[in-house]
Amino acid sequence: MGKVIFYEDRNFGGRHYECSSDCADFSSYLSRCSSCRVESGCFMIYDRPNYMGNQYFMRRGEYSDYSRMGMFENIRSCRMIPMHRGNYRMRIYERENFGGQMHELMDDCDSFMERYRMSDCQSCNVMDGHWLMYEQPHYRGRMMYMRPGEYRSFRDMGYSNMRWMSMRRIMDSC
């Protein structure tokens, strides 16, 4: 079971909100969020309610000032990432609705272009495990959390002008 504490001010000051599960909108608890402490588990935090907007992966540790990490004070929702034991399996597709080239991954991929000669990924099917997809090669740039399920169109999910170029498994013991 995970636990994260969000604080209104930097350096863990001001009002706080404790969370140990998914929370679609904690703006009613805090007017802003400038720091957090992940006491256990791993979480994705989002800068908009309902798990939308920019995403940030947080593992156990202290995050005293979001602005130093390139984040903003408008963190509004979070999702706990469950521990996964077992295989990891995902199919990535060049086009929406599982069209174009298809490749099955069972391990991390630091560059779709280098490994598969695939310049874009617009849909995927996560069969096993939890993954992070990145907009740049070598696990850089904005990220998107992928849990088991079908993702037919990243554009319809609000990522219309983004190209996903690398991905890794979330294997932390969290």
N, C-alpha and C. Protein backbone atom coordinates (compact mmCIF):
# COMPACT_ATOMS: atom_id res chain seq x y z
N MET A 1 0.84 -1.18 0.00
CA MET A 1 0.00 0.00 0.00
C MET A 1 0.89 1.24 0.00
N GLY A 2 0.57 2.19 -0.83
CA GLY A 2 1.35 3.42 -0.93
C GLY A 2 0.77 4.54 -0.10
N LYS A 3 1.64 5.52 0.16
CA LYS A 3 1.18 6.71 0.88
C LYS A 3 2.01 7.91 0.43
N VAL A 4 1.30 8.98 0.07
CA VAL A 4 1.94 10.22 -0.32
C VAL A 4 1.26 11.36 0.43
N ILE A 5 2.06 12.36 0.81
CA ILE A 5 1.53 13.54 1.49
C ILE A 5 1.86 14.75 0.63
N PHE A 6 0.82 15.49 0.24
CA PHE A 6 0.98 16.70 -0.57
C PHE A 6 0.91 17.92 0.34
N TYR A 7 1.75 18.92 0.06
CA TYR A 7 1.82 20.13 0.87
C TYR A 7 1.59 21.36 -0.01
N GLU A 8 0.92 22.36 0.56
CA GLU A 8 0.67 23.60 -0.19
C GLU A 8 1.96 24.38 -0.46
N ASP A 9 2.85 24.40 0.49
CA ASP A 9 4.06 25.21 0.37
C ASP A 9 5.30 24.37 0.11
N ARG A 10 6.35 25.04 -0.35
CA ARG A 10 7.64 24.38 -0.53
C ARG A 10 8.16 23.89 0.81
N ASN A 11 9.06 22.95 0.76
CA ASN A 11 9.71 22.42 1.96
C ASN A 11 8.70 21.88 2.98
N PHE A 12 7.63 21.28 2.46
CA PHE A 12 6.64 20.55 3.28
C PHE A 12 5.92 21.44 4.28
N GLY A 13 5.63 22.66 3.87
CA GLY A 13 4.95 23.60 4.75
C GLY A 13 3.49 23.80 4.36
N GLY A 14 2.77 24.45 5.23
CA GLY A 14 1.36 24.76 4.97
C GLY A 14 0.45 23.56 5.16
N ARG A 15 -0.78 23.73 4.69
CA ARG A 15 -1.75 22.63 4.81
C ARG A 15 -1.25 21.43 4.02
N HIS A 16 -1.72 20.25 4.42
CA HIS A 16 -1.31 19.04 3.71
C HIS A 16 -2.50 18.11 3.51
N TYR A 17 -2.31 17.18 2.59
CA TYR A 17 -3.34 16.19 2.27
C TYR A 17 -2.65 14.84 2.09
N GLU A 18 -3.08 13.85 2.86
CA GLU A 18 -2.52 12.50 2.77
C GLU A 18 -3.36 11.66 1.84
N CYS A 19 -2.68 10.85 1.04
CA CYS A 19 -3.39 10.03 0.06
C CYS A 19 -2.75 8.64 0.01
N SER A 20 -3.57 7.60 -0.02
CA SER A 20 -3.05 6.24 -0.12
C SER A 20 -3.75 5.45 -1.22
N SER A 21 -4.41 6.16 -2.12
CA SER A 21 -5.05 5.51 -3.27
C SER A 21 -5.21 6.55 -4.37
N ASP A 22 -5.91 6.21 -5.43
CA ASP A 22 -6.15 7.16 -6.50
C ASP A 22 -7.01 8.31 -5.98
N CYS A 23 -6.73 9.52 -6.47
CA CYS A 23 -7.52 10.69 -6.11
C CYS A 23 -7.69 11.54 -7.37
N ALA A 24 -8.92 11.64 -7.87
CA ALA A 24 -9.21 12.32 -9.13
C ALA A 24 -9.12 13.84 -9.04
N ASP A 25 -9.28 14.39 -7.83
CA ASP A 25 -9.21 15.85 -7.70
C ASP A 25 -9.03 16.21 -6.24
N PHE A 26 -7.85 16.69 -5.88
CA PHE A 26 -7.69 17.12 -4.49
C PHE A 26 -7.62 18.63 -4.34
N SER A 27 -8.16 19.36 -5.31
CA SER A 27 -8.18 20.82 -5.21
C SER A 27 -9.10 21.31 -4.09
N SER A 28 -10.05 20.49 -3.66
CA SER A 28 -10.90 20.90 -2.54
C SER A 28 -10.15 20.79 -1.20
N TYR A 29 -9.02 20.07 -1.18
CA TYR A 29 -8.23 19.92 0.05
C TYR A 29 -7.10 20.94 0.12
N LEU A 30 -6.54 21.31 -1.06
CA LEU A 30 -5.40 22.23 -1.12
C LEU A 30 -5.62 23.27 -2.21
N SER A 31 -5.22 24.50 -1.95
CA SER A 31 -5.36 25.54 -2.97
C SER A 31 -4.25 25.46 -4.01
N ARG A 32 -3.12 24.89 -3.63
CA ARG A 32 -1.99 24.66 -4.54
C ARG A 32 -1.18 23.51 -3.95
N CYS A 33 -0.21 23.04 -4.68
CA CYS A 33 0.63 21.95 -4.20
C CYS A 33 2.05 22.22 -4.64
N SER A 34 2.96 22.48 -3.69
CA SER A 34 4.33 22.87 -4.02
C SER A 34 5.38 21.85 -3.61
N SER A 35 4.99 20.86 -2.81
CA SER A 35 5.94 19.82 -2.41
C SER A 35 5.17 18.57 -1.99
N CYS A 36 5.88 17.45 -1.95
CA CYS A 36 5.25 16.22 -1.47
C CYS A 36 6.30 15.28 -0.91
N ARG A 37 5.81 14.35 -0.13
CA ARG A 37 6.66 13.32 0.48
C ARG A 37 5.99 11.98 0.18
N VAL A 38 6.67 11.14 -0.59
CA VAL A 38 6.16 9.80 -0.86
C VAL A 38 6.76 8.88 0.19
N GLU A 39 5.91 8.42 1.10
CA GLU A 39 6.40 7.59 2.20
C GLU A 39 6.53 6.13 1.80
N SER A 40 5.67 5.68 0.89
CA SER A 40 5.77 4.31 0.39
C SER A 40 5.02 4.23 -0.94
N GLY A 41 5.44 3.30 -1.75
CA GLY A 41 4.80 3.09 -3.04
C GLY A 41 5.30 4.02 -4.12
N CYS A 42 4.67 3.93 -5.29
CA CYS A 42 4.95 4.81 -6.43
C CYS A 42 3.64 5.43 -6.90
N PHE A 43 3.72 6.66 -7.37
CA PHE A 43 2.54 7.40 -7.80
C PHE A 43 2.82 8.13 -9.10
N MET A 44 1.79 8.31 -9.90
CA MET A 44 1.81 9.27 -10.99
C MET A 44 1.02 10.46 -10.49
N ILE A 45 1.56 11.65 -10.65
CA ILE A 45 0.81 12.84 -10.30
C ILE A 45 0.56 13.64 -11.57
N TYR A 46 -0.56 14.35 -11.59
CA TYR A 46 -1.05 15.04 -12.79
C TYR A 46 -1.33 16.50 -12.46
N ASP A 47 -1.12 17.37 -13.44
CA ASP A 47 -1.35 18.80 -13.20
C ASP A 47 -2.78 19.24 -13.50
N ARG A 48 -3.66 18.29 -13.79
CA ARG A 48 -5.07 18.60 -13.98
C ARG A 48 -5.91 17.53 -13.27
N PRO A 49 -7.14 17.86 -12.93
CA PRO A 49 -8.01 16.85 -12.31
C PRO A 49 -8.29 15.68 -13.25
N ASN A 50 -8.79 14.61 -12.70
CA ASN A 50 -9.20 13.42 -13.45
C ASN A 50 -8.07 12.79 -14.25
N TYR A 51 -6.86 12.83 -13.69
CA TYR A 51 -5.69 12.15 -14.27
C TYR A 51 -5.36 12.65 -15.67
N MET A 52 -5.50 13.95 -15.87
CA MET A 52 -5.24 14.56 -17.18
C MET A 52 -4.04 15.51 -17.07
N GLY A 53 -3.54 15.91 -18.23
CA GLY A 53 -2.44 16.88 -18.28
C GLY A 53 -1.09 16.22 -18.17
N ASN A 54 -0.10 17.03 -17.83
CA ASN A 54 1.27 16.52 -17.67
C ASN A 54 1.33 15.55 -16.51
N GLN A 55 2.16 14.52 -16.68
CA GLN A 55 2.28 13.46 -15.69
C GLN A 55 3.71 13.41 -15.17
N TYR A 56 3.85 13.06 -13.89
CA TYR A 56 5.15 12.95 -13.26
C TYR A 56 5.18 11.67 -12.43
N PHE A 57 6.24 10.90 -12.55
CA PHE A 57 6.42 9.66 -11.80
C PHE A 57 7.14 9.97 -10.49
N MET A 58 6.55 9.54 -9.39
CA MET A 58 7.12 9.79 -8.08
C MET A 58 7.30 8.47 -7.34
N ARG A 59 8.53 8.23 -6.91
CA ARG A 59 8.81 7.04 -6.08
C ARG A 59 9.14 7.51 -4.68
N ARG A 60 9.35 6.58 -3.78
CA ARG A 60 9.62 6.92 -2.38
C ARG A 60 10.72 7.98 -2.30
N GLY A 61 10.42 9.05 -1.55
CA GLY A 61 11.38 10.12 -1.39
C GLY A 61 10.71 11.44 -1.06
N GLU A 62 11.52 12.47 -0.93
CA GLU A 62 11.03 13.80 -0.61
C GLU A 62 11.24 14.72 -1.80
N TYR A 63 10.20 15.47 -2.14
CA TYR A 63 10.21 16.41 -3.25
C TYR A 63 9.85 17.78 -2.67
N SER A 64 10.88 18.51 -2.24
CA SER A 64 10.66 19.73 -1.45
C SER A 64 10.26 20.95 -2.27
N ASP A 65 10.51 20.92 -3.60
CA ASP A 65 10.20 22.09 -4.42
C ASP A 65 9.98 21.64 -5.86
N TYR A 66 8.72 21.58 -6.27
CA TYR A 66 8.39 21.13 -7.62
C TYR A 66 9.02 22.01 -8.69
N SER A 67 9.14 23.32 -8.44
CA SER A 67 9.63 24.21 -9.49
C SER A 67 11.06 23.87 -9.90
N ARG A 68 11.87 23.33 -9.00
CA ARG A 68 13.23 22.93 -9.34
C ARG A 68 13.25 21.70 -10.25
N MET A 69 12.15 20.98 -10.28
CA MET A 69 12.06 19.78 -11.11
C MET A 69 11.36 20.07 -12.43
N GLY A 70 11.05 21.33 -12.69
CA GLY A 70 10.35 21.68 -13.92
C GLY A 70 8.85 21.46 -13.84
N MET A 71 8.34 21.26 -12.63
CA MET A 71 6.92 21.04 -12.44
C MET A 71 6.27 22.34 -11.97
N PHE A 72 4.95 22.32 -11.93
CA PHE A 72 4.20 23.50 -11.51
C PHE A 72 3.48 23.23 -10.21
N GLU A 73 2.93 24.28 -9.62
CA GLU A 73 2.23 24.16 -8.35
C GLU A 73 0.77 23.75 -8.52
N ASN A 74 0.38 23.40 -9.71
CA ASN A 74 -1.03 23.07 -9.92
C ASN A 74 -1.25 21.56 -10.04
N ILE A 75 -0.60 20.79 -9.20
CA ILE A 75 -0.84 19.35 -9.17
C ILE A 75 -2.24 19.12 -8.62
N ARG A 76 -3.06 18.37 -9.36
CA ARG A 76 -4.47 18.26 -9.01
C ARG A 76 -5.00 16.83 -8.83
N SER A 77 -4.26 15.83 -9.29
CA SER A 77 -4.75 14.46 -9.10
C SER A 77 -3.55 13.51 -9.04
N CYS A 78 -3.79 12.32 -8.51
CA CYS A 78 -2.72 11.32 -8.43
C CYS A 78 -3.30 9.92 -8.58
N ARG A 79 -2.45 9.04 -9.03
CA ARG A 79 -2.83 7.64 -9.21
C ARG A 79 -1.74 6.77 -8.60
N MET A 80 -2.13 5.86 -7.70
CA MET A 80 -1.17 4.94 -7.11
C MET A 80 -0.85 3.85 -8.14
N ILE A 81 0.41 3.52 -8.27
CA ILE A 81 0.82 2.48 -9.21
C ILE A 81 0.96 1.18 -8.42
N PRO A 82 0.14 0.19 -8.72
CA PRO A 82 0.21 -1.06 -7.96
C PRO A 82 1.48 -1.84 -8.27
N MET A 83 1.93 -2.58 -7.31
CA MET A 83 3.10 -3.44 -7.48
C MET A 83 2.75 -4.54 -8.47
N HIS A 84 3.63 -4.80 -9.42
CA HIS A 84 3.40 -5.86 -10.40
C HIS A 84 4.51 -6.89 -10.31
N ARG A 85 4.12 -8.13 -10.19
CA ARG A 85 5.07 -9.24 -10.22
C ARG A 85 4.66 -10.12 -11.40
N GLY A 86 5.61 -10.48 -12.19
CA GLY A 86 5.30 -11.31 -13.34
C GLY A 86 5.85 -10.72 -14.62
N ASN A 87 5.29 -11.16 -15.72
CA ASN A 87 5.75 -10.75 -17.04
C ASN A 87 5.29 -9.33 -17.38
N TYR A 88 6.00 -8.75 -18.31
CA TYR A 88 5.65 -7.46 -18.90
C TYR A 88 5.47 -7.69 -20.39
N ARG A 89 4.36 -7.21 -20.92
CA ARG A 89 4.10 -7.40 -22.35
C ARG A 89 3.23 -6.28 -22.88
N MET A 90 3.67 -5.70 -24.00
CA MET A 90 2.94 -4.61 -24.62
C MET A 90 3.15 -4.66 -26.13
N ARG A 91 2.10 -4.33 -26.86
CA ARG A 91 2.21 -4.18 -28.32
C ARG A 91 2.06 -2.71 -28.65
N ILE A 92 3.00 -2.20 -29.44
CA ILE A 92 2.94 -0.82 -29.89
C ILE A 92 2.62 -0.79 -31.38
N TYR A 93 1.88 0.24 -31.79
CA TYR A 93 1.44 0.36 -33.18
C TYR A 93 1.80 1.74 -33.71
N GLU A 94 2.15 1.74 -34.98
CA GLU A 94 2.55 2.97 -35.65
C GLU A 94 1.39 3.96 -35.80
N ARG A 95 0.18 3.43 -35.98
CA ARG A 95 -0.98 4.28 -36.23
C ARG A 95 -2.08 4.04 -35.20
N GLU A 96 -3.07 4.92 -35.22
CA GLU A 96 -4.23 4.78 -34.34
C GLU A 96 -4.98 3.50 -34.65
N ASN A 97 -5.79 3.05 -33.68
CA ASN A 97 -6.63 1.86 -33.83
C ASN A 97 -5.84 0.63 -34.23
N PHE A 98 -4.64 0.52 -33.67
CA PHE A 98 -3.78 -0.65 -33.84
C PHE A 98 -3.40 -0.89 -35.30
N GLY A 99 -3.15 0.18 -36.04
CA GLY A 99 -2.78 0.09 -37.45
C GLY A 99 -1.30 0.28 -37.68
N GLY A 100 -0.86 -0.04 -38.89
CA GLY A 100 0.54 0.12 -39.27
C GLY A 100 1.43 -0.94 -38.65
N GLN A 101 2.71 -0.61 -38.56
CA GLN A 101 3.67 -1.56 -37.97
C GLN A 101 3.25 -1.91 -36.55
N MET A 102 3.50 -3.15 -36.16
CA MET A 102 3.23 -3.59 -34.78
C MET A 102 4.49 -4.28 -34.27
N HIS A 103 4.84 -3.98 -33.02
CA HIS A 103 5.98 -4.63 -32.37
C HIS A 103 5.57 -4.98 -30.95
N GLU A 104 5.99 -6.16 -30.51
CA GLU A 104 5.68 -6.59 -29.16
C GLU A 104 6.91 -6.40 -28.29
N LEU A 105 6.72 -5.75 -27.16
CA LEU A 105 7.82 -5.49 -26.23
C LEU A 105 7.61 -6.28 -24.95
N MET A 106 8.72 -6.77 -24.41
CA MET A 106 8.70 -7.44 -23.12
C MET A 106 9.76 -6.84 -22.19
N ASP A 107 10.49 -5.86 -22.72
CA ASP A 107 11.50 -5.18 -21.92
C ASP A 107 11.57 -3.72 -22.32
N ASP A 108 12.42 -2.96 -21.68
CA ASP A 108 12.54 -1.52 -21.95
C ASP A 108 13.02 -1.29 -23.38
N CYS A 109 12.64 -0.16 -23.92
CA CYS A 109 13.09 0.24 -25.27
C CYS A 109 13.48 1.71 -25.22
N ASP A 110 14.77 2.00 -25.37
CA ASP A 110 15.22 3.38 -25.25
C ASP A 110 15.06 4.20 -26.53
N SER A 111 14.71 3.54 -27.65
CA SER A 111 14.45 4.28 -28.88
C SER A 111 13.68 3.40 -29.87
N PHE A 112 12.42 3.77 -30.12
CA PHE A 112 11.63 3.04 -31.12
C PHE A 112 12.30 3.12 -32.49
N MET A 113 12.84 4.28 -32.81
CA MET A 113 13.44 4.49 -34.12
C MET A 113 14.66 3.60 -34.32
N GLU A 114 15.54 3.54 -33.33
CA GLU A 114 16.74 2.72 -33.47
C GLU A 114 16.43 1.23 -33.48
N ARG A 115 15.55 0.79 -32.63
CA ARG A 115 15.28 -0.64 -32.53
C ARG A 115 14.36 -1.14 -33.64
N TYR A 116 13.31 -0.38 -33.96
CA TYR A 116 12.30 -0.88 -34.89
C TYR A 116 12.18 -0.08 -36.19
N ARG A 117 12.96 1.00 -36.33
CA ARG A 117 12.81 1.89 -37.49
C ARG A 117 11.38 2.42 -37.57
N MET A 118 10.85 2.72 -36.40
CA MET A 118 9.47 3.19 -36.27
C MET A 118 9.52 4.64 -35.79
N SER A 119 9.02 5.58 -36.58
CA SER A 119 9.15 6.99 -36.25
C SER A 119 8.02 7.54 -35.39
N ASP A 120 6.98 6.76 -35.20
CA ASP A 120 5.86 7.24 -34.39
C ASP A 120 5.13 6.05 -33.79
N CYS A 121 4.50 6.29 -32.65
CA CYS A 121 3.68 5.29 -31.98
C CYS A 121 2.39 6.00 -31.60
N GLN A 122 1.26 5.56 -32.15
CA GLN A 122 0.00 6.26 -31.92
C GLN A 122 -1.05 5.43 -31.18
N SER A 123 -0.77 4.15 -30.94
CA SER A 123 -1.69 3.32 -30.16
C SER A 123 -0.90 2.15 -29.57
N CYS A 124 -1.47 1.52 -28.56
CA CYS A 124 -0.81 0.36 -27.96
C CYS A 124 -1.82 -0.48 -27.19
N ASN A 125 -1.40 -1.70 -26.89
CA ASN A 125 -2.19 -2.62 -26.08
C ASN A 125 -1.26 -3.16 -25.00
N VAL A 126 -1.52 -2.80 -23.76
CA VAL A 126 -0.72 -3.28 -22.63
C VAL A 126 -1.38 -4.54 -22.11
N MET A 127 -0.70 -5.65 -22.29
CA MET A 127 -1.24 -6.93 -21.81
C MET A 127 -0.83 -7.23 -20.37
N ASP A 128 0.42 -6.95 -20.04
CA ASP A 128 0.93 -7.26 -18.70
C ASP A 128 1.86 -6.17 -18.21
N GLY A 129 1.75 -5.82 -16.95
CA GLY A 129 2.66 -4.88 -16.32
C GLY A 129 2.23 -3.44 -16.45
N HIS A 130 3.02 -2.59 -15.85
CA HIS A 130 2.80 -1.14 -15.86
C HIS A 130 4.03 -0.50 -16.48
N TRP A 131 3.81 0.48 -17.37
CA TRP A 131 4.87 1.06 -18.18
C TRP A 131 4.83 2.58 -18.14
N LEU A 132 5.97 3.21 -18.44
CA LEU A 132 6.05 4.64 -18.68
C LEU A 132 6.51 4.84 -20.12
N MET A 133 5.77 5.65 -20.86
CA MET A 133 6.12 5.98 -22.24
C MET A 133 6.63 7.42 -22.24
N TYR A 134 7.70 7.68 -23.00
CA TYR A 134 8.35 8.99 -23.02
C TYR A 134 8.30 9.59 -24.43
N GLU A 135 8.26 10.92 -24.49
CA GLU A 135 8.18 11.60 -25.78
C GLU A 135 9.52 11.67 -26.50
N GLN A 136 10.61 11.42 -25.82
CA GLN A 136 11.93 11.47 -26.45
C GLN A 136 12.66 10.16 -26.22
N PRO A 137 13.63 9.85 -27.09
CA PRO A 137 14.45 8.65 -26.85
C PRO A 137 15.20 8.74 -25.53
N HIS A 138 15.63 7.60 -25.04
CA HIS A 138 16.42 7.49 -23.82
C HIS A 138 15.69 7.99 -22.58
N TYR A 139 14.37 7.78 -22.57
CA TYR A 139 13.53 8.03 -21.39
C TYR A 139 13.58 9.49 -20.93
N ARG A 140 13.43 10.40 -21.88
CA ARG A 140 13.44 11.83 -21.56
C ARG A 140 12.15 12.49 -22.02
N GLY A 141 11.92 13.68 -21.48
CA GLY A 141 10.75 14.45 -21.88
C GLY A 141 9.51 14.07 -21.10
N ARG A 142 8.39 14.54 -21.60
CA ARG A 142 7.12 14.24 -20.92
C ARG A 142 6.85 12.75 -20.96
N MET A 143 6.07 12.30 -20.01
CA MET A 143 5.79 10.86 -19.90
C MET A 143 4.31 10.59 -19.78
N MET A 144 3.96 9.34 -20.03
CA MET A 144 2.58 8.88 -19.91
C MET A 144 2.59 7.50 -19.24
N TYR A 145 1.78 7.35 -18.21
CA TYR A 145 1.63 6.10 -17.48
C TYR A 145 0.68 5.18 -18.24
N MET A 146 1.11 3.94 -18.46
CA MET A 146 0.31 2.96 -19.17
C MET A 146 0.08 1.75 -18.27
N ARG A 147 -1.17 1.48 -17.96
CA ARG A 147 -1.50 0.27 -17.19
C ARG A 147 -2.21 -0.70 -18.13
N PRO A 148 -2.44 -1.93 -17.74
CA PRO A 148 -3.05 -2.89 -18.67
C PRO A 148 -4.35 -2.37 -19.27
N GLY A 149 -4.45 -2.50 -20.59
CA GLY A 149 -5.63 -2.04 -21.31
C GLY A 149 -5.30 -1.68 -22.74
N GLU A 150 -6.33 -1.34 -23.49
CA GLU A 150 -6.18 -0.94 -24.89
C GLU A 150 -6.19 0.58 -24.98
N TYR A 151 -5.23 1.12 -25.70
CA TYR A 151 -5.12 2.56 -25.94
C TYR A 151 -5.17 2.76 -27.45
N ARG A 152 -6.36 2.96 -27.98
CA ARG A 152 -6.59 3.02 -29.43
C ARG A 152 -6.11 4.31 -30.09
N SER A 153 -6.05 5.40 -29.33
CA SER A 153 -5.66 6.67 -29.93
C SER A 153 -5.09 7.61 -28.87
N PHE A 154 -3.79 7.84 -28.93
CA PHE A 154 -3.19 8.79 -27.99
C PHE A 154 -3.70 10.20 -28.26
N ARG A 155 -4.03 10.49 -29.50
CA ARG A 155 -4.58 11.80 -29.87
C ARG A 155 -5.89 12.04 -29.13
N ASP A 156 -6.77 11.03 -29.11
CA ASP A 156 -8.05 11.17 -28.41
C ASP A 156 -7.88 11.28 -26.90
N MET A 157 -6.72 10.87 -26.41
CA MET A 157 -6.43 10.98 -24.98
C MET A 157 -5.85 12.35 -24.63
N GLY A 158 -5.72 13.22 -25.62
CA GLY A 158 -5.21 14.56 -25.36
C GLY A 158 -3.76 14.77 -25.74
N TYR A 159 -3.16 13.81 -26.42
CA TYR A 159 -1.76 13.90 -26.81
C TYR A 159 -1.64 14.02 -28.32
N SER A 160 -2.30 15.02 -28.90
CA SER A 160 -2.39 15.13 -30.35
C SER A 160 -1.09 15.53 -31.03
N ASN A 161 -0.26 16.31 -30.40
CA ASN A 161 0.97 16.78 -31.05
C ASN A 161 2.22 16.15 -30.45
N MET A 162 2.08 15.00 -29.85
CA MET A 162 3.24 14.36 -29.23
C MET A 162 3.61 13.09 -29.98
N ARG A 163 4.89 12.81 -30.00
CA ARG A 163 5.40 11.57 -30.57
C ARG A 163 6.06 10.80 -29.43
N TRP A 164 5.69 9.57 -29.26
CA TRP A 164 6.26 8.75 -28.20
C TRP A 164 7.43 7.98 -28.78
N MET A 165 8.59 8.07 -28.12
CA MET A 165 9.82 7.54 -28.70
C MET A 165 10.56 6.50 -27.86
N SER A 166 10.18 6.32 -26.59
CA SER A 166 10.82 5.31 -25.76
C SER A 166 9.87 4.90 -24.65
N MET A 167 10.15 3.74 -24.03
CA MET A 167 9.31 3.29 -22.92
C MET A 167 10.10 2.37 -22.01
N ARG A 168 9.68 2.35 -20.76
CA ARG A 168 10.31 1.43 -19.81
C ARG A 168 9.26 0.86 -18.87
N ARG A 169 9.59 -0.31 -18.34
CA ARG A 169 8.73 -0.97 -17.37
C ARG A 169 8.86 -0.30 -16.01
N ILE A 170 7.79 -0.24 -15.27
CA ILE A 170 7.86 0.24 -13.89
C ILE A 170 8.12 -0.99 -13.05
N MET A 171 9.36 -1.13 -12.65
CA MET A 171 9.78 -2.33 -11.92
C MET A 171 10.20 -2.03 -10.50
N ASP A 172 10.13 -0.77 -10.11
CA ASP A 172 10.53 -0.39 -8.75
C ASP A 172 9.72 -1.21 -7.75
N SER A 173 10.35 -1.54 -6.67
CA SER A 173 9.61 -2.24 -5.63
C SER A 173 8.61 -1.29 -4.98
N CYS A 174 8.77 -0.01 -5.26
CA CYS A 174 7.83 1.02 -4.78
C CYS A 174 7.47 0.79 -3.35
